[in-house]
Each structure stands twice: as structure tokens, then as C-alpha cells.
Amino acid sequence: MLGVAWGIVEGNEVLVVGAVLDEEHRLIGQEVPAIFDGESPREVLPLAGFALPYDDLRFQECHVMPPAYCLSERYREAVLAEAGRVAVRVVPEHGGA
């Protein structure tokens, strides 16, 4: 299951989209936690529907993980549009689009 996580990077709130979650909505692996400054994300949610539950430009950055680019075109485009809505800057991770 894919999800979102947010935490702090250099004093700024940063969102990660396309994080891989287990059945209990916990992050799988260390790739996403490694983005944040030495702490666990403050919130982890499953990626469901076409809208992220955050205000416009709430985050300084939104990192889009490779699994998000594997979604169907319609869903991927909606997720990327939402990433652009909630963050000042969208950062593709590991060769994303």
C-alpha cells in the first residue's frame, strides 16, 4: 500500500508521497525515514483518493518516491497535481518523472 509521510528537514515541514506502507500503515524500509532529520515522520497516512488532506503550500518540499510513478496515468497525474498544490517545491526521488 502507498502512503504519505511528513516530517522535518532542516526546520521545514516536508511531505513524502509514495511511501510504501504495511497493513497497519507503518513505513516499510528506511528510504523514507532517511529523508527526515534524525527522527520518525510526524504523521503517516495511506494514500487514498485523489486529494491530500493538507492546505495549499503547507510544505516547503514534497518528495515523490518511485512507487508513485508506477500508478496508472490518471491516478499518478492526480497525485502529482496534489503534490504541487501542497508544496512549494516537488522533488522527484531516484529518477522519477
Protein backbone atom coordinates (compact mmCIF):
# COMPACT_ATOMS: atom_id res chain seq x y z
CA MET A 1 0.00 0.00 0.00
CA LEU A 2 1.23 3.50 -0.74
CA GLY A 3 1.03 6.40 1.62
CA VAL A 4 2.28 9.83 2.60
CA ALA A 5 4.51 10.84 5.48
CA TRP A 6 5.54 14.22 6.74
CA GLY A 7 8.34 15.29 8.99
CA ILE A 8 11.04 17.92 9.46
CA VAL A 9 14.06 18.59 7.23
CA GLU A 10 16.34 21.47 8.29
CA GLY A 11 13.50 23.06 10.25
CA ASN A 12 10.98 22.85 7.39
CA GLU A 13 7.90 20.64 7.09
CA VAL A 14 8.43 18.17 4.24
CA LEU A 15 5.95 15.71 2.74
CA VAL A 16 6.81 12.38 1.12
CA VAL A 17 4.31 10.87 -1.35
CA GLY A 18 4.53 7.26 -2.48
CA ALA A 19 5.91 5.81 0.73
CA VAL A 20 5.39 2.04 0.98
CA LEU A 21 3.25 1.04 3.99
CA ASP A 22 2.33 -2.26 5.59
CA GLU A 23 -1.24 -3.30 6.50
CA GLU A 24 -1.04 -1.30 9.73
CA HIS A 25 0.06 1.87 7.90
CA ARG A 26 3.67 1.67 9.10
CA LEU A 27 6.53 2.59 6.80
CA ILE A 28 8.39 -0.30 5.18
CA GLY A 29 12.15 0.18 4.81
CA GLN A 30 14.44 3.07 5.69
CA GLU A 31 14.32 5.10 2.47
CA VAL A 32 11.56 7.46 3.65
CA PRO A 33 12.70 7.89 7.28
CA ALA A 34 16.19 8.73 5.96
CA ILE A 35 14.78 11.87 4.30
CA PHE A 36 13.82 13.39 7.65
CA ASP A 37 16.21 14.93 10.18
CA GLY A 38 17.06 12.05 12.50
CA GLU A 39 13.51 11.46 13.62
CA SER A 40 10.50 9.47 12.60
CA PRO A 41 7.89 11.13 10.42
CA ARG A 42 5.35 13.04 12.47
CA GLU A 43 2.43 11.60 10.50
CA VAL A 44 1.94 8.63 8.16
CA LEU A 45 -1.31 8.16 6.22
CA PRO A 46 -2.42 5.78 3.46
CA LEU A 47 -2.67 7.33 0.01
CA ALA A 48 -6.38 7.11 -0.71
CA GLY A 49 -8.49 9.05 -3.15
CA PHE A 50 -7.33 11.97 -5.25
CA ALA A 51 -6.85 14.70 -2.62
CA LEU A 52 -4.22 15.09 0.07
CA PRO A 53 -5.60 16.27 3.43
CA TYR A 54 -3.32 19.31 3.67
CA ASP A 55 -3.67 23.03 2.96
CA ASP A 56 -2.20 24.66 -0.15
CA LEU A 57 1.58 25.21 0.08
CA ARG A 58 1.75 23.83 3.63
CA PHE A 59 5.06 22.06 2.93
CA GLN A 60 8.36 23.51 1.78
CA GLU A 61 9.03 20.36 -0.27
CA CYS A 62 7.21 17.25 -1.39
CA HIS A 63 9.40 14.26 -2.26
CA VAL A 64 7.71 11.88 -4.71
CA MET A 65 9.00 8.33 -4.31
CA PRO A 66 9.43 5.90 -7.25
CA PRO A 67 6.33 3.78 -6.41
CA ALA A 68 4.11 6.82 -7.06
CA TYR A 69 5.32 6.86 -10.66
CA CYS A 70 4.09 3.26 -11.10
CA LEU A 71 0.45 4.24 -10.56
CA SER A 72 -1.93 4.34 -13.51
CA GLU A 73 -1.59 7.56 -15.52
CA ARG A 74 -4.84 9.08 -14.22
CA TYR A 75 -4.03 8.42 -10.57
CA ARG A 76 -0.34 9.38 -10.97
CA GLU A 77 -1.29 12.73 -12.55
CA ALA A 78 -3.76 13.44 -9.75
CA VAL A 79 -1.17 12.59 -7.08
CA LEU A 80 1.47 14.79 -8.74
CA ALA A 81 -1.01 17.66 -9.05
CA GLU A 82 -1.81 17.36 -5.35
CA ALA A 83 1.92 17.28 -4.52
CA GLY A 84 2.28 20.56 -6.41
CA ARG A 85 -0.69 22.04 -4.59
CA VAL A 86 0.53 21.28 -1.07
CA ALA A 87 4.25 22.03 -1.54
CA VAL A 88 6.34 24.97 -2.67
CA ARG A 89 8.68 22.55 -4.49
CA VAL A 90 8.17 18.98 -5.76
CA VAL A 91 11.26 16.75 -5.69
CA PRO A 92 11.23 13.51 -7.75
CA GLU A 93 13.24 10.82 -5.95
CA HIS A 94 15.53 8.35 -7.76
CA GLY A 95 14.82 9.18 -11.36
CA GLY A 96 11.11 9.91 -11.18
CA ALA A 97 9.47 11.98 -13.89
